[in-house]
Amino acid sequence: GAYAASAREQVTALLTAAGAGDVAELTRRAHTLKGASASAAMPRMAEAAAAVERAGREGQIDPRAVESLRAAWAETRALPQLDAAAGVAPES
């Protein structure tokens, strides 16, 4: 349950930062999401967040990496075990 809520918050903030061109916030959120995803055994999310973080550490926002993370999140949040553990209905 904790991963679902935290990841949802991190992804939302990361996408907002990307849209605003805030590289520092995007990098921080990607780093946090990478660690949480690795700890929760969500490798696709961890890898996607790592790609966003790498670009951010170079002072860039990589639109392909951000889109890959968005796609990974859409797949991850659809996993039955994710929402069952969180006690919430899947998002549509």
C-alpha atoms as a PDB file:
ATOM      1  CA  GLY A   1       0.000   0.000   0.000  1.00  0.00           C
ATOM      2  CA  ALA A   2       2.688   2.527   0.885  1.00  0.00           C
ATOM      3  CA  TYR A   3       4.462   2.141  -2.465  1.00  0.00           C
ATOM      4  CA  ALA A   4       1.303   2.872  -4.477  1.00  0.00           C
ATOM      5  CA  ALA A   5       0.574   6.103  -2.625  1.00  0.00           C
ATOM      6  CA  SER A   6       4.197   7.269  -2.615  1.00  0.00           C
ATOM      7  CA  ALA A   7       4.773   6.389  -6.266  1.00  0.00           C
ATOM      8  CA  ARG A   8       1.569   8.156  -7.309  1.00  0.00           C
ATOM      9  CA  GLU A   9       2.744  11.303  -5.484  1.00  0.00           C
ATOM     10  CA  GLN A  10       6.287  11.109  -6.928  1.00  0.00           C
ATOM     11  CA  VAL A  11       5.096  10.499 -10.510  1.00  0.00           C
ATOM     12  CA  THR A  12       2.605  13.365 -10.345  1.00  0.00           C
ATOM     13  CA  ALA A  13       5.234  15.755  -8.967  1.00  0.00           C
ATOM     14  CA  LEU A  14       7.828  14.541 -11.475  1.00  0.00           C
ATOM     15  CA  LEU A  15       5.497  15.102 -14.440  1.00  0.00           C
ATOM     16  CA  THR A  16       4.578  18.541 -13.109  1.00  0.00           C
ATOM     17  CA  ALA A  17       8.273  19.405 -12.769  1.00  0.00           C
ATOM     18  CA  ALA A  18       8.941  18.165 -16.305  1.00  0.00           C
ATOM     19  CA  GLY A  19       6.139  20.339 -17.658  1.00  0.00           C
ATOM     20  CA  ALA A  20       7.457  23.355 -15.750  1.00  0.00           C
ATOM     21  CA  GLY A  21      11.051  22.790 -16.862  1.00  0.00           C
ATOM     22  CA  ASP A  22      12.183  22.342 -13.240  1.00  0.00           C
ATOM     23  CA  VAL A  23      15.211  20.087 -13.696  1.00  0.00           C
ATOM     24  CA  ALA A  24      16.210  20.095 -10.013  1.00  0.00           C
ATOM     25  CA  GLU A  25      12.764  18.995  -8.796  1.00  0.00           C
ATOM     26  CA  LEU A  26      12.440  16.455 -11.600  1.00  0.00           C
ATOM     27  CA  THR A  27      15.825  14.953 -10.704  1.00  0.00           C
ATOM     28  CA  ARG A  28      14.991  14.792  -6.988  1.00  0.00           C
ATOM     29  CA  ARG A  29      11.626  13.131  -7.609  1.00  0.00           C
ATOM     30  CA  ALA A  30      13.141  10.669 -10.102  1.00  0.00           C
ATOM     31  CA  HIS A  31      15.820   9.697  -7.574  1.00  0.00           C
ATOM     32  CA  THR A  32      13.229   9.111  -4.836  1.00  0.00           C
ATOM     33  CA  LEU A  33      10.989   7.135  -7.191  1.00  0.00           C
ATOM     34  CA  LYS A  34      13.927   5.032  -8.404  1.00  0.00           C
ATOM     35  CA  GLY A  35      14.807   3.965  -4.870  1.00  0.00           C
ATOM     36  CA  ALA A  36      11.225   3.296  -3.804  1.00  0.00           C
ATOM     37  CA  SER A  37      10.557   1.290  -6.971  1.00  0.00           C
ATOM     38  CA  ALA A  38      13.694  -0.815  -6.538  1.00  0.00           C
ATOM     39  CA  SER A  39      12.762  -1.507  -2.909  1.00  0.00           C
ATOM     40  CA  ALA A  40       9.225  -2.488  -3.941  1.00  0.00           C
ATOM     41  CA  ALA A  41      10.506  -4.876  -6.642  1.00  0.00           C
ATOM     42  CA  MET A  42       9.142  -2.727  -9.480  1.00  0.00           C
ATOM     43  CA  PRO A  43      12.136  -2.890 -11.852  1.00  0.00           C
ATOM     44  CA  ARG A  44      10.477  -1.231 -14.856  1.00  0.00           C
ATOM     45  CA  MET A  45       9.588   1.801 -12.743  1.00  0.00           C
ATOM     46  CA  ALA A  46      13.076   1.866 -11.221  1.00  0.00           C
ATOM     47  CA  GLU A  47      14.716   1.732 -14.657  1.00  0.00           C
ATOM     48  CA  ALA A  48      12.423   4.422 -16.090  1.00  0.00           C
ATOM     49  CA  ALA A  49      13.044   6.704 -13.102  1.00  0.00           C
ATOM     50  CA  ALA A  50      16.805   6.107 -13.391  1.00  0.00           C
ATOM     51  CA  ALA A  51      16.746   7.261 -17.040  1.00  0.00           C
ATOM     52  CA  VAL A  52      14.913  10.465 -16.079  1.00  0.00           C
ATOM     53  CA  GLU A  53      17.351  11.008 -13.206  1.00  0.00           C
ATOM     54  CA  ARG A  54      20.422  10.496 -15.443  1.00  0.00           C
ATOM     55  CA  ALA A  55      19.241  13.171 -17.871  1.00  0.00           C
ATOM     56  CA  GLY A  56      18.369  15.466 -14.985  1.00  0.00           C
ATOM     57  CA  ARG A  57      21.829  15.132 -13.487  1.00  0.00           C
ATOM     58  CA  GLU A  58      23.152  16.349 -16.852  1.00  0.00           C
ATOM     59  CA  GLY A  59      20.849  19.371 -16.592  1.00  0.00           C
ATOM     60  CA  GLN A  60      18.363  18.054 -19.127  1.00  0.00           C
ATOM     61  CA  ILE A  61      14.772  16.892 -19.280  1.00  0.00           C
ATOM     62  CA  ASP A  62      14.633  13.967 -21.707  1.00  0.00           C
ATOM     63  CA  PRO A  63      11.099  13.840 -23.149  1.00  0.00           C
ATOM     64  CA  ARG A  64      11.549  10.201 -24.210  1.00  0.00           C
ATOM     65  CA  ALA A  65      12.624   9.182 -20.712  1.00  0.00           C
ATOM     66  CA  VAL A  66       9.698  11.082 -19.181  1.00  0.00           C
ATOM     67  CA  GLU A  67       7.275   9.409 -21.595  1.00  0.00           C
ATOM     68  CA  SER A  68       8.802   6.006 -20.831  1.00  0.00           C
ATOM     69  CA  LEU A  69       8.264   6.658 -17.133  1.00  0.00           C
ATOM     70  CA  ARG A  70       4.669   7.704 -17.794  1.00  0.00           C
ATOM     71  CA  ALA A  71       4.079   4.445 -19.698  1.00  0.00           C
ATOM     72  CA  ALA A  72       5.757   2.373 -16.975  1.00  0.00           C
ATOM     73  CA  TRP A  73       3.538   4.023 -14.372  1.00  0.00           C
ATOM     74  CA  ALA A  74       0.395   3.303 -16.413  1.00  0.00           C
ATOM     75  CA  GLU A  75       1.378  -0.387 -16.510  1.00  0.00           C
ATOM     76  CA  THR A  76       2.432  -0.481 -12.861  1.00  0.00           C
ATOM     77  CA  ARG A  77      -0.696   1.139 -11.474  1.00  0.00           C
ATOM     78  CA  ALA A  78      -2.803  -1.367 -13.431  1.00  0.00           C
ATOM     79  CA  LEU A  79      -1.221  -4.307 -11.591  1.00  0.00           C
ATOM     80  CA  PRO A  80      -3.893  -5.933  -9.419  1.00  0.00           C
ATOM     81  CA  GLN A  81      -1.481  -6.485  -6.544  1.00  0.00           C
ATOM     82  CA  LEU A  82      -0.547  -2.800  -6.471  1.00  0.00           C
ATOM     83  CA  ASP A  83      -4.076  -1.505  -5.960  1.00  0.00           C
ATOM     84  CA  ALA A  84      -5.163  -4.442  -3.833  1.00  0.00           C
ATOM     85  CA  ALA A  85      -2.296  -3.704  -1.471  1.00  0.00           C
ATOM     86  CA  ALA A  86      -3.178  -0.011  -1.471  1.00  0.00           C
ATOM     87  CA  GLY A  87      -6.849  -0.680  -0.832  1.00  0.00           C
ATOM     88  CA  VAL A  88      -7.917   1.532  -3.729  1.00  0.00           C
ATOM     89  CA  ALA A  89      -9.618   0.935  -7.038  1.00  0.00           C
ATOM     90  CA  PRO A  90      -7.409   1.021 -10.138  1.00  0.00           C
ATOM     91  CA  GLU A  91      -7.248   4.378 -11.903  1.00  0.00           C
ATOM     92  CA  SER A  92      -8.664   4.583 -15.392  1.00  0.00           C
END
